[in-house]
Amino acid sequence: MTVDEKPPGRIAHLRDRFLEENRVEPVEVRRRLYVISATLIAVGLVAFVYILIDVLTGDRLVGIDRPVEQWVRARRSDEATTVMTMLSLIFGPLIFPFAAPIIVVVWCISTRHLWRPLLLTVGTAAGIVGVRLIAETVGRDRPPVDRMLLSPDMSESFPSGHVIGSATFILLIAYLVFSRRKSPRSAVLSFTLASLLVAATAVSRIYLGYHWATDTMGSVALALVILGVVIAVDTKRTVVTPAEVDARG
């Protein structure tokens, strides 16, 4: 091997060591994953575009915003406020930007692999950055400041950064962890718990007076798109069929 050939060799070694990950699955499983991916992307995109148009035009769906906000605000209590505040802080700018990297680093160290932590990081970051750009473009006002229970926030309201951060992070972890397990029950349970936590985070933002219901719905729709894209990328890169394994020798 010449000197010029060494760097590619090292790169290939690093790629194989840290990024290559193969899962042997029947053709039906791979096809099912692609169908799930396409469904999530389609449903998420359609829902987000519908909500976005409605927010911009003030038509139909936004009509639920004030009734929902009033209904939630009428049910405020000290105990509920404590719980909602904790949820908001965990997935807010004070804790989440520091906790998420720690989780990713621990995952990398414990598994000595980068592929799934990399997908988690890129997917979550894409959601947060995308929402920030959309929010600045749409420029929707938040609920009145006097209804906010914590410090005032005058930034744009649609979509919710808190919700997209929590939704992408939680849903991607549920997929990236439990997609490698053979038990359908554990996968169903993990996504059920993930969905409940995402819903609780969305409710907390409405409860605390920082977002309208459609803000959180838009973020959840975008999270579904990101989840679908990650499933497609992960399936394309990691899933091989028994026939393909045999063909490789």
C-alpha atoms as a PDB file:
ATOM      1  CA  MET A   1       0.000   0.000   0.000  1.00  0.00           C
ATOM      2  CA  THR A   2       1.343   3.421  -0.969  1.00  0.00           C
ATOM      3  CA  VAL A   3       1.358   6.514   1.222  1.00  0.00           C
ATOM      4  CA  ASP A   4      -1.454   7.999  -0.845  1.00  0.00           C
ATOM      5  CA  GLU A   5      -3.639   4.987  -0.122  1.00  0.00           C
ATOM      6  CA  LYS A   6      -3.375   5.168   3.641  1.00  0.00           C
ATOM      7  CA  PRO A   7      -5.802   8.004   4.381  1.00  0.00           C
ATOM      8  CA  PRO A   8      -8.701   6.361   2.491  1.00  0.00           C
ATOM      9  CA  GLY A   9      -7.927   3.179   4.372  1.00  0.00           C
ATOM     10  CA  ARG A  10      -8.109   4.937   7.695  1.00  0.00           C
ATOM     11  CA  ILE A  11     -11.323   6.665   6.705  1.00  0.00           C
ATOM     12  CA  ALA A  12     -12.851   3.355   5.666  1.00  0.00           C
ATOM     13  CA  HIS A  13     -11.761   1.807   8.956  1.00  0.00           C
ATOM     14  CA  LEU A  14     -13.315   4.616  10.975  1.00  0.00           C
ATOM     15  CA  ARG A  15     -16.491   4.395   8.940  1.00  0.00           C
ATOM     16  CA  ASP A  16     -16.730   0.646   9.439  1.00  0.00           C
ATOM     17  CA  ARG A  17     -15.912   0.941  13.137  1.00  0.00           C
ATOM     18  CA  PHE A  18     -18.235   3.754  14.112  1.00  0.00           C
ATOM     19  CA  LEU A  19     -20.853   4.267  11.399  1.00  0.00           C
ATOM     20  CA  GLU A  20     -21.541   0.898   9.791  1.00  0.00           C
ATOM     21  CA  GLU A  21     -24.464  -0.942  11.343  1.00  0.00           C
ATOM     22  CA  ASN A  22     -26.306  -3.812   9.657  1.00  0.00           C
ATOM     23  CA  ARG A  23     -29.606  -5.343  10.707  1.00  0.00           C
ATOM     24  CA  VAL A  24     -30.683  -8.528   8.999  1.00  0.00           C
ATOM     25  CA  GLU A  25     -34.441  -8.350   8.474  1.00  0.00           C
ATOM     26  CA  PRO A  26     -36.908 -10.030   6.105  1.00  0.00           C
ATOM     27  CA  VAL A  27     -37.893  -8.110   2.977  1.00  0.00           C
ATOM     28  CA  GLU A  28     -41.359  -7.591   4.462  1.00  0.00           C
ATOM     29  CA  VAL A  29     -39.915  -5.768   7.474  1.00  0.00           C
ATOM     30  CA  ARG A  30     -37.879  -3.399   5.308  1.00  0.00           C
ATOM     31  CA  ARG A  31     -40.901  -2.732   3.112  1.00  0.00           C
ATOM     32  CA  ARG A  32     -43.011  -2.055   6.202  1.00  0.00           C
ATOM     33  CA  LEU A  33     -40.462   0.422   7.524  1.00  0.00           C
ATOM     34  CA  TYR A  34     -40.496   2.319   4.227  1.00  0.00           C
ATOM     35  CA  VAL A  35     -44.302   2.395   4.260  1.00  0.00           C
ATOM     36  CA  ILE A  36     -44.310   3.735   7.817  1.00  0.00           C
ATOM     37  CA  SER A  37     -41.703   6.315   6.857  1.00  0.00           C
ATOM     38  CA  ALA A  38     -43.631   7.506   3.796  1.00  0.00           C
ATOM     39  CA  THR A  39     -46.870   7.648   5.790  1.00  0.00           C
ATOM     40  CA  LEU A  40     -45.319   9.738   8.567  1.00  0.00           C
ATOM     41  CA  ILE A  41     -43.765  12.156   6.075  1.00  0.00           C
ATOM     42  CA  ALA A  42     -46.983  12.519   4.076  1.00  0.00           C
ATOM     43  CA  VAL A  43     -49.251  12.934   7.087  1.00  0.00           C
ATOM     44  CA  GLY A  44     -46.842  15.340   8.776  1.00  0.00           C
ATOM     45  CA  LEU A  45     -46.383  17.501   5.675  1.00  0.00           C
ATOM     46  CA  VAL A  46     -50.084  17.675   4.862  1.00  0.00           C
ATOM     47  CA  ALA A  47     -50.956  18.504   8.455  1.00  0.00           C
ATOM     48  CA  PHE A  48     -48.258  21.156   8.767  1.00  0.00           C
ATOM     49  CA  VAL A  49     -49.130  22.867   5.478  1.00  0.00           C
ATOM     50  CA  TYR A  50     -52.822  22.881   6.439  1.00  0.00           C
ATOM     51  CA  ILE A  51     -52.069  24.368   9.862  1.00  0.00           C
ATOM     52  CA  LEU A  52     -49.624  26.906   8.403  1.00  0.00           C
ATOM     53  CA  ILE A  53     -52.122  28.133   5.797  1.00  0.00           C
ATOM     54  CA  ASP A  54     -54.783  28.343   8.488  1.00  0.00           C
ATOM     55  CA  VAL A  55     -52.490  30.356  10.772  1.00  0.00           C
ATOM     56  CA  LEU A  56     -51.620  32.755   7.952  1.00  0.00           C
ATOM     57  CA  THR A  57     -55.218  33.220   6.808  1.00  0.00           C
ATOM     58  CA  GLY A  58     -56.945  33.083  10.200  1.00  0.00           C
ATOM     59  CA  ASP A  59     -59.404  30.513   8.911  1.00  0.00           C
ATOM     60  CA  ARG A  60     -61.106  27.495  10.518  1.00  0.00           C
ATOM     61  CA  LEU A  61     -58.558  25.686  12.697  1.00  0.00           C
ATOM     62  CA  VAL A  62     -57.245  28.737  14.546  1.00  0.00           C
ATOM     63  CA  GLY A  63     -60.746  29.132  15.872  1.00  0.00           C
ATOM     64  CA  ILE A  64     -59.927  26.512  18.491  1.00  0.00           C
ATOM     65  CA  ASP A  65     -56.977  28.488  19.890  1.00  0.00           C
ATOM     66  CA  ARG A  66     -58.776  30.879  22.207  1.00  0.00           C
ATOM     67  CA  PRO A  67     -61.380  28.362  23.494  1.00  0.00           C
ATOM     68  CA  VAL A  68     -58.598  25.848  24.249  1.00  0.00           C
ATOM     69  CA  GLU A  69     -56.466  28.513  25.943  1.00  0.00           C
ATOM     70  CA  GLN A  70     -59.429  29.670  28.051  1.00  0.00           C
ATOM     71  CA  TRP A  71     -60.389  26.107  28.976  1.00  0.00           C
ATOM     72  CA  VAL A  72     -56.843  25.248  30.074  1.00  0.00           C
ATOM     73  CA  ARG A  73     -56.364  28.543  31.919  1.00  0.00           C
ATOM     74  CA  ALA A  74     -59.601  28.000  33.865  1.00  0.00           C
ATOM     75  CA  ARG A  75     -58.148  24.760  35.244  1.00  0.00           C
ATOM     76  CA  ARG A  76     -54.897  26.140  36.601  1.00  0.00           C
ATOM     77  CA  SER A  77     -53.868  25.037  40.090  1.00  0.00           C
ATOM     78  CA  ASP A  78     -50.687  25.196  42.152  1.00  0.00           C
ATOM     79  CA  GLU A  79     -50.020  21.493  41.674  1.00  0.00           C
ATOM     80  CA  ALA A  80     -50.622  21.544  37.930  1.00  0.00           C
ATOM     81  CA  THR A  81     -48.522  24.684  37.539  1.00  0.00           C
ATOM     82  CA  THR A  82     -45.595  22.977  39.264  1.00  0.00           C
ATOM     83  CA  VAL A  83     -45.782  19.969  36.938  1.00  0.00           C
ATOM     84  CA  MET A  84     -46.198  22.074  33.809  1.00  0.00           C
ATOM     85  CA  THR A  85     -43.332  24.338  34.820  1.00  0.00           C
ATOM     86  CA  MET A  86     -41.024  21.348  35.298  1.00  0.00           C
ATOM     87  CA  LEU A  87     -41.932  19.994  31.854  1.00  0.00           C
ATOM     88  CA  SER A  88     -41.334  23.385  30.290  1.00  0.00           C
ATOM     89  CA  LEU A  89     -37.975  23.792  31.997  1.00  0.00           C
ATOM     90  CA  ILE A  90     -36.748  20.297  31.111  1.00  0.00           C
ATOM     91  CA  PHE A  91     -37.376  20.864  27.403  1.00  0.00           C
ATOM     92  CA  GLY A  92     -36.622  24.573  27.468  1.00  0.00           C
ATOM     93  CA  PRO A  93     -33.453  26.556  26.769  1.00  0.00           C
ATOM     94  CA  LEU A  94     -32.183  26.292  30.347  1.00  0.00           C
ATOM     95  CA  ILE A  95     -31.843  22.497  30.544  1.00  0.00           C
ATOM     96  CA  PHE A  96     -32.488  20.780  27.198  1.00  0.00           C
ATOM     97  CA  PRO A  97     -29.510  22.249  25.268  1.00  0.00           C
ATOM     98  CA  PHE A  98     -27.193  20.867  27.967  1.00  0.00           C
ATOM     99  CA  ALA A  99     -28.974  17.603  28.798  1.00  0.00           C
ATOM    100  CA  ALA A 100     -29.409  16.443  25.191  1.00  0.00           C
ATOM    101  CA  PRO A 101     -25.666  16.514  24.317  1.00  0.00           C
ATOM    102  CA  ILE A 102     -24.863  14.676  27.551  1.00  0.00           C
ATOM    103  CA  ILE A 103     -27.313  11.915  26.620  1.00  0.00           C
ATOM    104  CA  VAL A 104     -25.786  11.669  23.139  1.00  0.00           C
ATOM    105  CA  VAL A 105     -22.219  11.535  24.476  1.00  0.00           C
ATOM    106  CA  VAL A 106     -23.115   8.874  27.061  1.00  0.00           C
ATOM    107  CA  TRP A 107     -24.837   6.859  24.340  1.00  0.00           C
ATOM    108  CA  CYS A 108     -21.755   7.091  22.094  1.00  0.00           C
ATOM    109  CA  ILE A 109     -19.409   6.044  24.897  1.00  0.00           C
ATOM    110  CA  SER A 110     -21.589   3.185  26.136  1.00  0.00           C
ATOM    111  CA  THR A 111     -22.199   1.700  22.682  1.00  0.00           C
ATOM    112  CA  ARG A 112     -18.866   2.751  21.111  1.00  0.00           C
ATOM    113  CA  HIS A 113     -20.834   3.581  17.997  1.00  0.00           C
ATOM    114  CA  LEU A 114     -21.937   6.831  16.330  1.00  0.00           C
ATOM    115  CA  TRP A 115     -24.663   6.028  13.839  1.00  0.00           C
ATOM    116  CA  ARG A 116     -27.789   6.218  15.989  1.00  0.00           C
ATOM    117  CA  PRO A 117     -26.542   9.059  18.244  1.00  0.00           C
ATOM    118  CA  LEU A 118     -25.672  10.920  15.041  1.00  0.00           C
ATOM    119  CA  LEU A 119     -29.184  10.453  13.676  1.00  0.00           C
ATOM    120  CA  LEU A 120     -30.638  11.627  16.987  1.00  0.00           C
ATOM    121  CA  THR A 121     -28.453  14.738  17.007  1.00  0.00           C
ATOM    122  CA  VAL A 122     -29.019  15.706  13.376  1.00  0.00           C
ATOM    123  CA  GLY A 123     -32.759  15.037  13.522  1.00  0.00           C
ATOM    124  CA  THR A 124     -33.292  17.054  16.686  1.00  0.00           C
ATOM    125  CA  ALA A 125     -31.104  19.922  15.485  1.00  0.00           C
ATOM    126  CA  ALA A 126     -32.882  20.016  12.124  1.00  0.00           C
ATOM    127  CA  GLY A 127     -36.219  20.333  13.883  1.00  0.00           C
ATOM    128  CA  ILE A 128     -35.113  23.153  16.159  1.00  0.00           C
ATOM    129  CA  VAL A 129     -33.362  25.127  13.408  1.00  0.00           C
ATOM    130  CA  GLY A 130     -36.232  24.599  10.980  1.00  0.00           C
ATOM    131  CA  VAL A 131     -38.818  25.801  13.471  1.00  0.00           C
ATOM    132  CA  ARG A 132     -36.733  28.863  14.290  1.00  0.00           C
ATOM    133  CA  LEU A 133     -36.554  29.829  10.617  1.00  0.00           C
ATOM    134  CA  ILE A 134     -40.266  29.209  10.068  1.00  0.00           C
ATOM    135  CA  ALA A 135     -41.199  31.170  13.200  1.00  0.00           C
ATOM    136  CA  GLU A 136     -39.208  34.202  12.087  1.00  0.00           C
ATOM    137  CA  THR A 137     -40.830  34.043   8.646  1.00  0.00           C
ATOM    138  CA  VAL A 138     -44.409  33.634   9.902  1.00  0.00           C
ATOM    139  CA  GLY A 139     -44.038  36.130  12.760  1.00  0.00           C
ATOM    140  CA  ARG A 140     -47.104  35.059  14.730  1.00  0.00           C
ATOM    141  CA  ASP A 141     -47.747  36.775  18.065  1.00  0.00           C
ATOM    142  CA  ARG A 142     -47.860  34.783  21.273  1.00  0.00           C
ATOM    143  CA  PRO A 143     -50.774  34.951  23.720  1.00  0.00           C
ATOM    144  CA  PRO A 144     -50.907  38.162  25.804  1.00  0.00           C
ATOM    145  CA  VAL A 145     -47.988  38.596  28.213  1.00  0.00           C
ATOM    146  CA  ASP A 146     -50.292  38.913  31.229  1.00  0.00           C
ATOM    147  CA  ARG A 147     -51.320  35.279  30.722  1.00  0.00           C
ATOM    148  CA  MET A 148     -47.756  33.941  30.869  1.00  0.00           C
ATOM    149  CA  LEU A 149     -46.994  32.362  34.223  1.00  0.00           C
ATOM    150  CA  LEU A 150     -43.202  32.568  33.973  1.00  0.00           C
ATOM    151  CA  SER A 151     -40.959  35.275  32.494  1.00  0.00           C
ATOM    152  CA  PRO A 152     -42.331  37.205  29.492  1.00  0.00           C
ATOM    153  CA  ASP A 153     -41.454  35.882  26.026  1.00  0.00           C
ATOM    154  CA  MET A 154     -41.925  38.185  23.055  1.00  0.00           C
ATOM    155  CA  SER A 155     -40.453  35.893  20.383  1.00  0.00           C
ATOM    156  CA  GLU A 156     -42.513  34.420  17.542  1.00  0.00           C
ATOM    157  CA  SER A 157     -45.131  31.854  18.481  1.00  0.00           C
ATOM    158  CA  PHE A 158     -45.606  29.499  15.512  1.00  0.00           C
ATOM    159  CA  PRO A 159     -44.399  26.744  15.621  1.00  0.00           C
ATOM    160  CA  SER A 160     -43.346  25.932  19.192  1.00  0.00           C
ATOM    161  CA  GLY A 161     -39.614  25.446  19.713  1.00  0.00           C
ATOM    162  CA  HIS A 162     -40.185  23.669  23.025  1.00  0.00           C
ATOM    163  CA  VAL A 163     -42.504  21.134  21.434  1.00  0.00           C
ATOM    164  CA  ILE A 164     -40.367  20.431  18.356  1.00  0.00           C
ATOM    165  CA  GLY A 165     -37.314  19.929  20.574  1.00  0.00           C
ATOM    166  CA  SER A 166     -39.048  17.481  22.875  1.00  0.00           C
ATOM    167  CA  ALA A 167     -41.050  15.743  20.146  1.00  0.00           C
ATOM    168  CA  THR A 168     -38.129  15.029  17.823  1.00  0.00           C
ATOM    169  CA  PHE A 169     -35.779  14.019  20.638  1.00  0.00           C
ATOM    170  CA  ILE A 170     -38.259  11.731  22.381  1.00  0.00           C
ATOM    171  CA  LEU A 171     -39.742  10.134  19.256  1.00  0.00           C
ATOM    172  CA  LEU A 172     -36.330   9.562  17.686  1.00  0.00           C
ATOM    173  CA  ILE A 173     -35.008   7.925  20.851  1.00  0.00           C
ATOM    174  CA  ALA A 174     -38.073   5.663  20.925  1.00  0.00           C
ATOM    175  CA  TYR A 175     -37.433   4.593  17.330  1.00  0.00           C
ATOM    176  CA  LEU A 176     -33.636   4.347  17.450  1.00  0.00           C
ATOM    177  CA  VAL A 177     -33.650   2.267  20.631  1.00  0.00           C
ATOM    178  CA  PHE A 178     -36.647  -0.003  20.187  1.00  0.00           C
ATOM    179  CA  SER A 179     -36.335  -0.577  16.432  1.00  0.00           C
ATOM    180  CA  ARG A 180     -33.387  -2.827  17.324  1.00  0.00           C
ATOM    181  CA  ARG A 181     -35.478  -5.003  19.605  1.00  0.00           C
ATOM    182  CA  LYS A 182     -37.561  -7.905  18.409  1.00  0.00           C
ATOM    183  CA  SER A 183     -40.490  -7.395  20.791  1.00  0.00           C
ATOM    184  CA  PRO A 184     -43.396  -5.531  19.121  1.00  0.00           C
ATOM    185  CA  ARG A 185     -44.885  -4.957  22.577  1.00  0.00           C
ATOM    186  CA  SER A 186     -41.868  -2.961  23.752  1.00  0.00           C
ATOM    187  CA  ALA A 187     -41.971  -0.838  20.590  1.00  0.00           C
ATOM    188  CA  VAL A 188     -45.681  -0.092  21.028  1.00  0.00           C
ATOM    189  CA  LEU A 189     -45.147   0.739  24.688  1.00  0.00           C
ATOM    190  CA  SER A 190     -42.186   3.012  23.980  1.00  0.00           C
ATOM    191  CA  PHE A 191     -44.030   5.008  21.311  1.00  0.00           C
ATOM    192  CA  THR A 192     -47.104   5.230  23.520  1.00  0.00           C
ATOM    193  CA  LEU A 193     -45.056   6.674  26.383  1.00  0.00           C
ATOM    194  CA  ALA A 194     -43.186   8.959  23.981  1.00  0.00           C
ATOM    195  CA  SER A 195     -46.454  10.267  22.534  1.00  0.00           C
ATOM    196  CA  LEU A 196     -47.868  10.923  25.991  1.00  0.00           C
ATOM    197  CA  LEU A 197     -44.755  12.864  26.998  1.00  0.00           C
ATOM    198  CA  VAL A 198     -44.883  14.923  23.798  1.00  0.00           C
ATOM    199  CA  ALA A 199     -48.553  15.656  24.397  1.00  0.00           C
ATOM    200  CA  ALA A 200     -47.818  16.687  27.990  1.00  0.00           C
ATOM    201  CA  THR A 201     -45.097  19.073  26.807  1.00  0.00           C
ATOM    202  CA  ALA A 202     -47.491  20.597  24.274  1.00  0.00           C
ATOM    203  CA  VAL A 203     -50.181  21.052  26.925  1.00  0.00           C
ATOM    204  CA  SER A 204     -47.645  22.653  29.265  1.00  0.00           C
ATOM    205  CA  ARG A 205     -46.867  25.384  26.735  1.00  0.00           C
ATOM    206  CA  ILE A 206     -50.561  26.183  26.348  1.00  0.00           C
ATOM    207  CA  TYR A 207     -51.166  25.938  30.097  1.00  0.00           C
ATOM    208  CA  LEU A 208     -48.313  28.319  30.947  1.00  0.00           C
ATOM    209  CA  GLY A 209     -49.625  30.848  28.445  1.00  0.00           C
ATOM    210  CA  TYR A 210     -46.804  30.811  25.893  1.00  0.00           C
ATOM    211  CA  HIS A 211     -48.415  29.166  22.873  1.00  0.00           C
ATOM    212  CA  TRP A 212     -51.684  28.664  21.071  1.00  0.00           C
ATOM    213  CA  ALA A 213     -52.874  25.115  20.438  1.00  0.00           C
ATOM    214  CA  THR A 214     -52.105  25.369  16.711  1.00  0.00           C
ATOM    215  CA  ASP A 215     -48.495  26.333  17.521  1.00  0.00           C
ATOM    216  CA  THR A 216     -47.970  23.008  19.244  1.00  0.00           C
ATOM    217  CA  MET A 217     -49.895  21.083  16.578  1.00  0.00           C
ATOM    218  CA  GLY A 218     -47.631  22.508  13.886  1.00  0.00           C
ATOM    219  CA  SER A 219     -44.538  21.389  15.787  1.00  0.00           C
ATOM    220  CA  VAL A 220     -45.872  17.861  16.258  1.00  0.00           C
ATOM    221  CA  ALA A 221     -46.614  17.665  12.520  1.00  0.00           C
ATOM    222  CA  LEU A 222     -43.034  18.668  11.703  1.00  0.00           C
ATOM    223  CA  ALA A 223     -41.734  16.124  14.223  1.00  0.00           C
ATOM    224  CA  LEU A 224     -43.598  13.390  12.346  1.00  0.00           C
ATOM    225  CA  VAL A 225     -41.896  14.465   9.117  1.00  0.00           C
ATOM    226  CA  ILE A 226     -38.457  14.323  10.749  1.00  0.00           C
ATOM    227  CA  LEU A 227     -39.213  10.940  12.309  1.00  0.00           C
ATOM    228  CA  GLY A 228     -40.269   9.610   8.904  1.00  0.00           C
ATOM    229  CA  VAL A 229     -37.099  10.893   7.234  1.00  0.00           C
ATOM    230  CA  VAL A 230     -34.895   9.369   9.949  1.00  0.00           C
ATOM    231  CA  ILE A 231     -36.652   6.001   9.637  1.00  0.00           C
ATOM    232  CA  ALA A 232     -36.101   6.063   5.864  1.00  0.00           C
ATOM    233  CA  VAL A 233     -32.421   7.006   6.151  1.00  0.00           C
ATOM    234  CA  ASP A 234     -31.790   4.475   8.898  1.00  0.00           C
ATOM    235  CA  THR A 235     -33.583   1.710   6.990  1.00  0.00           C
ATOM    236  CA  LYS A 236     -31.688   2.482   3.791  1.00  0.00           C
ATOM    237  CA  ARG A 237     -28.338   2.387   5.554  1.00  0.00           C
ATOM    238  CA  THR A 238     -28.726  -0.418   8.084  1.00  0.00           C
ATOM    239  CA  VAL A 239     -31.372  -2.935   6.994  1.00  0.00           C
ATOM    240  CA  VAL A 240     -30.206  -5.851   4.833  1.00  0.00           C
ATOM    241  CA  THR A 241     -32.180  -8.927   3.875  1.00  0.00           C
ATOM    242  CA  PRO A 242     -30.958 -12.518   4.302  1.00  0.00           C
ATOM    243  CA  ALA A 243     -30.664 -12.801   0.499  1.00  0.00           C
ATOM    244  CA  GLU A 244     -28.382  -9.769   0.391  1.00  0.00           C
ATOM    245  CA  VAL A 245     -26.213 -11.248   3.140  1.00  0.00           C
ATOM    246  CA  ASP A 246     -25.887 -14.482   1.181  1.00  0.00           C
ATOM    247  CA  ALA A 247     -25.051 -12.573  -2.005  1.00  0.00           C
ATOM    248  CA  ARG A 248     -22.231 -10.769  -0.210  1.00  0.00           C
ATOM    249  CA  GLY A 249     -20.799 -14.101   0.802  1.00  0.00           C
END
